[in-house]
Amino acid sequence: MSCLREACGVVGAAHPEHDVVEQLWRGLLAVQHRGQEGNGIFTLDRGKFHHAKYLGLVGDLSKYGSLKGVEE
């Protein structure tokens, strides 16, 4: 995905106790008109990054179900 040349939308979320993947996914849906070539979510869980990246439109939340994102 390093060769994408389109505009993109960026969203962020943080919460000290709850998973933020669904909130990030909803944010991606809201801004996907900014760049429809690809999408992805990065999360931080106890100091370790997790990510999922896909080509095309955002799609179902279930694609991101394995991401963890609770900071302690």
PDB file of N, CA and C in Angstrom:
ATOM      1  N   MET A   1       0.815  -1.188   0.000  1.00  0.00           N
ATOM      2  CA  MET A   1       0.000   0.000   0.000  1.00  0.00           C
ATOM      3  C   MET A   1       0.861   1.254   0.000  1.00  0.00           C
ATOM      4  N   SER A   2       2.148   1.138  -0.113  1.00  0.00           N
ATOM      5  CA  SER A   2       3.006   2.304  -0.053  1.00  0.00           C
ATOM      6  C   SER A   2       2.926   3.177  -1.298  1.00  0.00           C
ATOM      7  N   CYS A   3       2.315   2.695  -2.371  1.00  0.00           N
ATOM      8  CA  CYS A   3       2.274   3.477  -3.598  1.00  0.00           C
ATOM      9  C   CYS A   3       0.933   4.178  -3.804  1.00  0.00           C
ATOM     10  N   LEU A   4       0.087   4.277  -2.805  1.00  0.00           N
ATOM     11  CA  LEU A   4      -1.189   4.976  -2.942  1.00  0.00           C
ATOM     12  C   LEU A   4      -0.938   6.458  -3.183  1.00  0.00           C
ATOM     13  N   ARG A   5      -1.705   7.037  -4.088  1.00  0.00           N
ATOM     14  CA  ARG A   5      -1.514   8.437  -4.436  1.00  0.00           C
ATOM     15  C   ARG A   5      -2.784   9.250  -4.250  1.00  0.00           C
ATOM     16  N   GLU A   6      -3.713   8.787  -3.506  1.00  0.00           N
ATOM     17  CA  GLU A   6      -4.982   9.471  -3.302  1.00  0.00           C
ATOM     18  C   GLU A   6      -4.980  10.168  -1.953  1.00  0.00           C
ATOM     19  N   ALA A   7      -5.968  11.030  -1.775  1.00  0.00           N
ATOM     20  CA  ALA A   7      -6.174  11.665  -0.479  1.00  0.00           C
ATOM     21  C   ALA A   7      -6.623  10.613   0.528  1.00  0.00           C
ATOM     22  N   CYS A   8      -6.508  10.930   1.783  1.00  0.00           N
ATOM     23  CA  CYS A   8      -6.939   9.970   2.793  1.00  0.00           C
ATOM     24  C   CYS A   8      -7.598  10.701   3.950  1.00  0.00           C
ATOM     25  N   GLY A   9      -8.354   9.963   4.713  1.00  0.00           N
ATOM     26  CA  GLY A   9      -8.944  10.479   5.937  1.00  0.00           C
ATOM     27  C   GLY A   9      -8.285   9.779   7.109  1.00  0.00           C
ATOM     28  N   VAL A  10      -8.088  10.489   8.188  1.00  0.00           N
ATOM     29  CA  VAL A  10      -7.433   9.933   9.367  1.00  0.00           C
ATOM     30  C   VAL A  10      -8.335  10.165  10.561  1.00  0.00           C
ATOM     31  N   VAL A  11      -8.500   9.127  11.388  1.00  0.00           N
ATOM     32  CA  VAL A  11      -9.266   9.246  12.624  1.00  0.00           C
ATOM     33  C   VAL A  11      -8.422   8.706  13.772  1.00  0.00           C
ATOM     34  N   GLY A  12      -8.723   9.133  14.968  1.00  0.00           N
ATOM     35  CA  GLY A  12      -8.018   8.638  16.139  1.00  0.00           C
ATOM     36  C   GLY A  12      -8.974   8.518  17.310  1.00  0.00           C
ATOM     37  N   ALA A  13      -8.641   7.637  18.238  1.00  0.00           N
ATOM     38  CA  ALA A  13      -9.450   7.455  19.438  1.00  0.00           C
ATOM     39  C   ALA A  13      -8.555   6.914  20.543  1.00  0.00           C
ATOM     40  N   ALA A  14      -8.872   7.273  21.761  1.00  0.00           N
ATOM     41  CA  ALA A  14      -8.120   6.771  22.909  1.00  0.00           C
ATOM     42  C   ALA A  14      -9.069   6.585  24.077  1.00  0.00           C
ATOM     43  N   HIS A  15      -8.855   5.518  24.815  1.00  0.00           N
ATOM     44  CA  HIS A  15      -9.623   5.284  26.029  1.00  0.00           C
ATOM     45  C   HIS A  15      -8.784   4.399  26.936  1.00  0.00           C
ATOM     46  N   PRO A  16      -8.646   4.753  28.196  1.00  0.00           N
ATOM     47  CA  PRO A  16      -7.765   3.993  29.079  1.00  0.00           C
ATOM     48  C   PRO A  16      -8.295   2.622  29.499  1.00  0.00           C
ATOM     49  N   GLU A  17      -9.590   2.350  29.306  1.00  0.00           N
ATOM     50  CA  GLU A  17     -10.154   1.099  29.796  1.00  0.00           C
ATOM     51  C   GLU A  17     -10.898   0.281  28.760  1.00  0.00           C
ATOM     52  N   HIS A  18     -11.364   0.893  27.676  1.00  0.00           N
ATOM     53  CA  HIS A  18     -12.216   0.190  26.727  1.00  0.00           C
ATOM     54  C   HIS A  18     -11.572   0.112  25.349  1.00  0.00           C
ATOM     55  N   ASP A  19     -11.902  -0.932  24.620  1.00  0.00           N
ATOM     56  CA  ASP A  19     -11.436  -1.124  23.264  1.00  0.00           C
ATOM     57  C   ASP A  19     -12.003  -0.028  22.366  1.00  0.00           C
ATOM     58  N   VAL A  20     -11.194   0.498  21.462  1.00  0.00           N
ATOM     59  CA  VAL A  20     -11.625   1.600  20.599  1.00  0.00           C
ATOM     60  C   VAL A  20     -11.784   1.192  19.134  1.00  0.00           C
ATOM     61  N   VAL A  21     -11.668  -0.087  18.826  1.00  0.00           N
ATOM     62  CA  VAL A  21     -11.714  -0.532  17.432  1.00  0.00           C
ATOM     63  C   VAL A  21     -13.029  -0.151  16.757  1.00  0.00           C
ATOM     64  N   GLU A  22     -14.158  -0.353  17.422  1.00  0.00           N
ATOM     65  CA  GLU A  22     -15.437  -0.012  16.790  1.00  0.00           C
ATOM     66  C   GLU A  22     -15.542   1.485  16.528  1.00  0.00           C
ATOM     67  N   GLN A  23     -15.081   2.313  17.459  1.00  0.00           N
ATOM     68  CA  GLN A  23     -15.121   3.752  17.246  1.00  0.00           C
ATOM     69  C   GLN A  23     -14.227   4.149  16.069  1.00  0.00           C
ATOM     70  N   LEU A  24     -13.053   3.536  15.949  1.00  0.00           N
ATOM     71  CA  LEU A  24     -12.172   3.816  14.814  1.00  0.00           C
ATOM     72  C   LEU A  24     -12.813   3.383  13.506  1.00  0.00           C
ATOM     73  N   TRP A  25     -13.437   2.224  13.504  1.00  0.00           N
ATOM     74  CA  TRP A  25     -14.107   1.717  12.303  1.00  0.00           C
ATOM     75  C   TRP A  25     -15.213   2.678  11.866  1.00  0.00           C
ATOM     76  N   ARG A  26     -16.013   3.157  12.823  1.00  0.00           N
ATOM     77  CA  ARG A  26     -17.073   4.116  12.493  1.00  0.00           C
ATOM     78  C   ARG A  26     -16.477   5.408  11.935  1.00  0.00           C
ATOM     79  N   GLY A  27     -15.367   5.827  12.489  1.00  0.00           N
ATOM     80  CA  GLY A  27     -14.694   7.009  11.966  1.00  0.00           C
ATOM     81  C   GLY A  27     -14.207   6.806  10.545  1.00  0.00           C
ATOM     82  N   LEU A  28     -13.651   5.629  10.260  1.00  0.00           N
ATOM     83  CA  LEU A  28     -13.214   5.326   8.895  1.00  0.00           C
ATOM     84  C   LEU A  28     -14.385   5.349   7.920  1.00  0.00           C
ATOM     85  N   LEU A  29     -15.520   4.802   8.333  1.00  0.00           N
ATOM     86  CA  LEU A  29     -16.711   4.857   7.474  1.00  0.00           C
ATOM     87  C   LEU A  29     -17.088   6.300   7.149  1.00  0.00           C
ATOM     88  N   ALA A  30     -16.969   7.161   8.137  1.00  0.00           N
ATOM     89  CA  ALA A  30     -17.366   8.555   7.949  1.00  0.00           C
ATOM     90  C   ALA A  30     -16.447   9.314   7.001  1.00  0.00           C
ATOM     91  N   VAL A  31     -15.173   8.919   6.911  1.00  0.00           N
ATOM     92  CA  VAL A  31     -14.215   9.656   6.076  1.00  0.00           C
ATOM     93  C   VAL A  31     -13.733   8.864   4.867  1.00  0.00           C
ATOM     94  N   GLN A  32     -14.325   7.710   4.587  1.00  0.00           N
ATOM     95  CA  GLN A  32     -13.810   6.892   3.494  1.00  0.00           C
ATOM     96  C   GLN A  32     -13.942   7.561   2.129  1.00  0.00           C
ATOM     97  N   HIS A  33     -14.799   8.560   2.008  1.00  0.00           N
ATOM     98  CA  HIS A  33     -14.908   9.300   0.745  1.00  0.00           C
ATOM     99  C   HIS A  33     -13.622  10.067   0.443  1.00  0.00           C
ATOM    100  N   ARG A  34     -12.740  10.261   1.434  1.00  0.00           N
ATOM    101  CA  ARG A  34     -11.476  10.981   1.238  1.00  0.00           C
ATOM    102  C   ARG A  34     -10.470  10.157   0.454  1.00  0.00           C
ATOM    103  N   GLY A  35     -10.537   8.858   0.554  1.00  0.00           N
ATOM    104  CA  GLY A  35      -9.613   7.991  -0.153  1.00  0.00           C
ATOM    105  C   GLY A  35     -10.139   6.581  -0.153  1.00  0.00           C
ATOM    106  N   GLN A  36     -10.560   6.089  -1.295  1.00  0.00           N
ATOM    107  CA  GLN A  36     -11.226   4.795  -1.351  1.00  0.00           C
ATOM    108  C   GLN A  36     -10.307   3.673  -1.812  1.00  0.00           C
ATOM    109  N   GLU A  37      -9.016   3.938  -1.951  1.00  0.00           N
ATOM    110  CA  GLU A  37      -8.098   2.896  -2.405  1.00  0.00           C
ATOM    111  C   GLU A  37      -7.700   1.937  -1.298  1.00  0.00           C
ATOM    112  N   GLY A  38      -7.730   2.388  -0.064  1.00  0.00           N
ATOM    113  CA  GLY A  38      -7.310   1.515   1.021  1.00  0.00           C
ATOM    114  C   GLY A  38      -7.762   2.054   2.358  1.00  0.00           C
ATOM    115  N   ASN A  39      -7.627   1.225   3.380  1.00  0.00           N
ATOM    116  CA  ASN A  39      -8.003   1.609   4.735  1.00  0.00           C
ATOM    117  C   ASN A  39      -7.244   0.751   5.720  1.00  0.00           C
ATOM    118  N   GLY A  40      -7.173   1.200   6.941  1.00  0.00           N
ATOM    119  CA  GLY A  40      -6.497   0.419   7.959  1.00  0.00           C
ATOM    120  C   GLY A  40      -6.690   1.006   9.334  1.00  0.00           C
ATOM    121  N   ILE A  41      -6.431   0.175  10.321  1.00  0.00           N
ATOM    122  CA  ILE A  41      -6.509   0.591  11.718  1.00  0.00           C
ATOM    123  C   ILE A  41      -5.250   0.102  12.421  1.00  0.00           C
ATOM    124  N   PHE A  42      -4.641   0.994  13.178  1.00  0.00           N
ATOM    125  CA  PHE A  42      -3.542   0.640  14.067  1.00  0.00           C
ATOM    126  C   PHE A  42      -4.026   0.863  15.488  1.00  0.00           C
ATOM    127  N   THR A  43      -3.709  -0.069  16.377  1.00  0.00           N
ATOM    128  CA  THR A  43      -4.069   0.085  17.782  1.00  0.00           C
ATOM    129  C   THR A  43      -2.831  -0.143  18.642  1.00  0.00           C
ATOM    130  N   LEU A  44      -2.888   0.336  19.865  1.00  0.00           N
ATOM    131  CA  LEU A  44      -1.818   0.141  20.839  1.00  0.00           C
ATOM    132  C   LEU A  44      -2.418  -0.559  22.044  1.00  0.00           C
ATOM    133  N   ASP A  45      -1.841  -1.685  22.408  1.00  0.00           N
ATOM    134  CA  ASP A  45      -2.343  -2.457  23.538  1.00  0.00           C
ATOM    135  C   ASP A  45      -1.170  -2.831  24.427  1.00  0.00           C
ATOM    136  N   ARG A  46      -1.115  -2.230  25.604  1.00  0.00           N
ATOM    137  CA  ARG A  46      -0.062  -2.512  26.571  1.00  0.00           C
ATOM    138  C   ARG A  46       1.335  -2.380  25.950  1.00  0.00           C
ATOM    139  N   GLY A  47       1.524  -1.303  25.176  1.00  0.00           N
ATOM    140  CA  GLY A  47       2.826  -1.019  24.589  1.00  0.00           C
ATOM    141  C   GLY A  47       3.133  -1.726  23.290  1.00  0.00           C
ATOM    142  N   LYS A  48       2.210  -2.517  22.753  1.00  0.00           N
ATOM    143  CA  LYS A  48       2.439  -3.247  21.510  1.00  0.00           C
ATOM    144  C   LYS A  48       1.432  -2.800  20.452  1.00  0.00           C
ATOM    145  N   PHE A  49       1.933  -2.509  19.243  1.00  0.00           N
ATOM    146  CA  PHE A  49       1.057  -2.104  18.152  1.00  0.00           C
ATOM    147  C   PHE A  49       0.462  -3.309  17.440  1.00  0.00           C
ATOM    148  N   HIS A  50      -0.786  -3.173  17.025  1.00  0.00           N
ATOM    149  CA  HIS A  50      -1.494  -4.163  16.209  1.00  0.00           C
ATOM    150  C   HIS A  50      -2.065  -3.414  15.021  1.00  0.00           C
ATOM    151  N   HIS A  51      -2.174  -4.071  13.861  1.00  0.00           N
ATOM    152  CA  HIS A  51      -2.726  -3.378  12.708  1.00  0.00           C
ATOM    153  C   HIS A  51      -3.436  -4.330  11.754  1.00  0.00           C
ATOM    154  N   ALA A  52      -4.317  -3.731  10.973  1.00  0.00           N
ATOM    155  CA  ALA A  52      -4.999  -4.427   9.877  1.00  0.00           C
ATOM    156  C   ALA A  52      -5.143  -3.407   8.758  1.00  0.00           C
ATOM    157  N   LYS A  53      -4.698  -3.772   7.539  1.00  0.00           N
ATOM    158  CA  LYS A  53      -4.782  -2.875   6.388  1.00  0.00           C
ATOM    159  C   LYS A  53      -5.408  -3.637   5.228  1.00  0.00           C
ATOM    160  N   TYR A  54      -6.268  -2.954   4.486  1.00  0.00           N
ATOM    161  CA  TYR A  54      -6.972  -3.576   3.365  1.00  0.00           C
ATOM    162  C   TYR A  54      -7.056  -2.611   2.198  1.00  0.00           C
ATOM    163  N   LEU A  55      -7.093  -3.132   0.993  1.00  0.00           N
ATOM    164  CA  LEU A  55      -7.359  -2.329  -0.187  1.00  0.00           C
ATOM    165  C   LEU A  55      -8.853  -2.192  -0.368  1.00  0.00           C
ATOM    166  N   GLY A  56      -9.286  -1.078  -0.936  1.00  0.00           N
ATOM    167  CA  GLY A  56     -10.700  -0.867  -1.204  1.00  0.00           C
ATOM    168  C   GLY A  56     -11.418  -0.177  -0.059  1.00  0.00           C
ATOM    169  N   LEU A  57     -12.742  -0.265  -0.084  1.00  0.00           N
ATOM    170  CA  LEU A  57     -13.576   0.388   0.915  1.00  0.00           C
ATOM    171  C   LEU A  57     -13.447  -0.269   2.283  1.00  0.00           C
ATOM    172  N   VAL A  58     -13.931   0.413   3.297  1.00  0.00           N
ATOM    173  CA  VAL A  58     -13.764  -0.028   4.679  1.00  0.00           C
ATOM    174  C   VAL A  58     -14.346  -1.409   4.935  1.00  0.00           C
ATOM    175  N   GLY A  59     -15.573  -1.671   4.530  1.00  0.00           N
ATOM    176  CA  GLY A  59     -16.146  -2.999   4.725  1.00  0.00           C
ATOM    177  C   GLY A  59     -16.636  -3.246   6.136  1.00  0.00           C
ATOM    178  N   ASP A  60     -16.747  -4.514   6.502  1.00  0.00           N
ATOM    179  CA  ASP A  60     -17.346  -4.930   7.776  1.00  0.00           C
ATOM    180  C   ASP A  60     -16.395  -4.746   8.954  1.00  0.00           C
ATOM    181  N   LEU A  61     -16.983  -4.456  10.094  1.00  0.00           N
ATOM    182  CA  LEU A  61     -16.226  -4.362  11.343  1.00  0.00           C
ATOM    183  C   LEU A  61     -15.544  -5.688  11.664  1.00  0.00           C
ATOM    184  N   SER A  62     -16.130  -6.812  11.252  1.00  0.00           N
ATOM    185  CA  SER A  62     -15.577  -8.127  11.587  1.00  0.00           C
ATOM    186  C   SER A  62     -14.156  -8.304  11.061  1.00  0.00           C
ATOM    187  N   LYS A  63     -13.764  -7.583  10.015  1.00  0.00           N
ATOM    188  CA  LYS A  63     -12.390  -7.678   9.501  1.00  0.00           C
ATOM    189  C   LYS A  63     -11.378  -7.201  10.528  1.00  0.00           C
ATOM    190  N   TYR A  64     -11.801  -6.346  11.441  1.00  0.00           N
ATOM    191  CA  TYR A  64     -10.898  -5.759  12.429  1.00  0.00           C
ATOM    192  C   TYR A  64     -11.070  -6.381  13.814  1.00  0.00           C
ATOM    193  N   GLY A  65     -11.847  -7.448  13.913  1.00  0.00           N
ATOM    194  CA  GLY A  65     -12.189  -8.036  15.194  1.00  0.00           C
ATOM    195  C   GLY A  65     -11.021  -8.554  16.014  1.00  0.00           C
ATOM    196  N   SER A  66      -9.903  -8.873  15.379  1.00  0.00           N
ATOM    197  CA  SER A  66      -8.769  -9.418  16.127  1.00  0.00           C
ATOM    198  C   SER A  66      -7.872  -8.337  16.732  1.00  0.00           C
ATOM    199  N   LEU A  67      -8.126  -7.077  16.425  1.00  0.00           N
ATOM    200  CA  LEU A  67      -7.285  -6.004  16.945  1.00  0.00           C
ATOM    201  C   LEU A  67      -7.572  -5.765  18.414  1.00  0.00           C
ATOM    202  N   LYS A  68      -6.518  -5.505  19.153  1.00  0.00           N
ATOM    203  CA  LYS A  68      -6.650  -5.161  20.566  1.00  0.00           C
ATOM    204  C   LYS A  68      -6.222  -3.711  20.714  1.00  0.00           C
ATOM    205  N   GLY A  69      -6.852  -2.989  21.644  1.00  0.00           N
ATOM    206  CA  GLY A  69      -6.502  -1.608  21.787  1.00  0.00           C
ATOM    207  C   GLY A  69      -6.832  -1.014  23.129  1.00  0.00           C
ATOM    208  N   VAL A  70      -6.486  -1.689  24.198  1.00  0.00           N
ATOM    209  CA  VAL A  70      -6.705  -1.146  25.540  1.00  0.00           C
ATOM    210  C   VAL A  70      -5.335  -0.789  26.104  1.00  0.00           C
ATOM    211  N   GLU A  71      -5.172   0.454  26.463  1.00  0.00           N
ATOM    212  CA  GLU A  71      -3.899   0.899  26.997  1.00  0.00           C
ATOM    213  C   GLU A  71      -3.927   0.805  28.516  1.00  0.00           C
ATOM    214  N   GLU A  72      -2.868   0.249  29.082  1.00  0.00           N
ATOM    215  CA  GLU A  72      -2.750   0.202  30.544  1.00  0.00           C
ATOM    216  C   GLU A  72      -1.469   0.829  30.999  1.00  0.00           C
TER     217      GLU A  72
END
